[in-house]
Amino acid sequence: MIKKHRFQPNIIKKYIQTIDKLRVAKSTEELSPIKSLNYERLIGDKKGLESVRLDHKYRIEFITKLEREEPNSITVCSIIELSNHYK
């Protein structure tokens, strides 16, 4: 029996790699220099969301929220969607 996946295994692998990069980053400012992520704050009807690219077809959309004050601040990242933004 052939198993049908919602996402192809290579997309899942890239998703895990990208999530690992998000976990390591101490702030969103650390994401901008990583050109492969193409980090951006979204505009228009997606204002308030941020995204990073998996490949030329998919991106991860998320919201970050800073909790507590410096120096004990924590950034909470809530993944909203794995978006095929060209559909």
Protein backbone atom coordinates (compact mmCIF):
# COMPACT_ATOMS: atom_id res chain seq x y z
CA MET A 1 0.00 0.00 0.00
CA ILE A 2 1.32 3.42 -0.96
CA LYS A 3 1.17 5.96 1.83
CA LYS A 4 0.05 9.46 0.85
CA HIS A 5 1.68 12.27 2.80
CA ARG A 6 0.34 15.78 3.11
CA PHE A 7 3.87 17.06 2.49
CA GLN A 8 6.71 15.37 0.64
CA PRO A 9 9.56 13.95 2.78
CA ASN A 10 12.03 16.58 1.47
CA ILE A 11 9.66 19.38 2.63
CA ILE A 12 9.38 17.77 6.07
CA LYS A 13 13.19 17.55 6.27
CA LYS A 14 13.56 21.25 5.34
CA TYR A 15 10.82 22.14 7.85
CA ILE A 16 12.71 20.42 10.67
CA GLN A 17 16.00 22.10 9.65
CA THR A 18 14.34 25.52 9.56
CA ILE A 19 12.59 25.03 12.92
CA ASP A 20 15.99 24.08 14.39
CA LYS A 21 17.41 27.40 13.09
CA LEU A 22 14.49 29.26 14.70
CA ARG A 23 15.12 27.49 18.03
CA VAL A 24 18.79 28.47 18.07
CA ALA A 25 18.18 32.15 17.25
CA LYS A 26 18.05 34.39 20.30
CA SER A 27 16.02 37.02 18.43
CA THR A 28 14.47 37.66 15.04
CA GLU A 29 17.37 40.03 14.29
CA GLU A 30 19.59 36.93 14.06
CA LEU A 31 17.38 35.54 11.27
CA SER A 32 17.86 38.41 8.79
CA PRO A 33 21.54 37.70 7.98
CA ILE A 34 20.71 34.07 7.09
CA LYS A 35 19.91 34.65 3.42
CA SER A 36 18.49 31.15 2.86
CA LEU A 37 15.69 31.88 5.36
CA ASN A 38 14.57 35.09 3.63
CA TYR A 39 13.09 36.30 6.96
CA GLU A 40 10.43 38.98 6.58
CA ARG A 41 7.59 40.66 8.42
CA LEU A 42 4.49 40.21 6.32
CA ILE A 43 2.24 43.05 5.18
CA GLY A 44 -1.29 43.44 3.85
CA ASP A 45 -3.83 40.88 5.03
CA LYS A 46 -1.05 38.98 6.82
CA LYS A 47 0.19 42.00 8.79
CA GLY A 48 1.44 40.94 12.22
CA LEU A 49 2.86 37.66 10.91
CA GLU A 50 6.48 36.91 10.13
CA SER A 51 7.85 34.27 7.79
CA VAL A 52 10.92 32.31 6.79
CA ARG A 53 11.33 30.40 3.56
CA LEU A 54 11.72 26.62 3.31
CA ASP A 55 12.23 26.65 -0.44
CA HIS A 56 10.87 28.57 -3.42
CA LYS A 57 7.40 27.12 -2.85
CA TYR A 58 6.84 26.92 0.93
CA ARG A 59 7.31 29.25 3.88
CA ILE A 60 6.65 29.01 7.62
CA GLU A 61 4.42 31.77 8.96
CA PHE A 62 4.72 32.60 12.64
CA ILE A 63 4.15 35.18 15.36
CA THR A 64 6.79 36.20 17.89
CA LYS A 65 6.04 37.72 21.25
CA LEU A 66 8.51 39.04 23.82
CA GLU A 67 7.73 38.01 27.37
CA ARG A 68 9.33 39.58 30.43
CA GLU A 69 11.82 42.42 30.48
CA GLU A 70 15.54 42.34 29.77
CA PRO A 71 17.82 40.60 30.76
CA ASN A 72 15.48 37.65 31.39
CA SER A 73 13.40 38.07 28.26
CA ILE A 74 11.97 35.10 26.41
CA THR A 75 10.75 35.20 22.83
CA VAL A 76 7.78 32.94 22.20
CA CYS A 77 7.36 31.84 18.59
CA SER A 78 3.96 30.44 17.61
CA ILE A 79 3.95 28.62 14.27
CA ILE A 80 0.79 29.58 12.39
CA GLU A 81 1.09 27.78 9.08
CA LEU A 82 3.30 25.99 6.60
CA SER A 83 2.15 27.97 3.61
CA ASN A 84 2.40 27.21 -0.08
CA HIS A 85 2.37 30.92 -0.84
CA TYR A 86 2.25 30.56 -4.62
CA LYS A 87 -1.11 28.74 -4.67
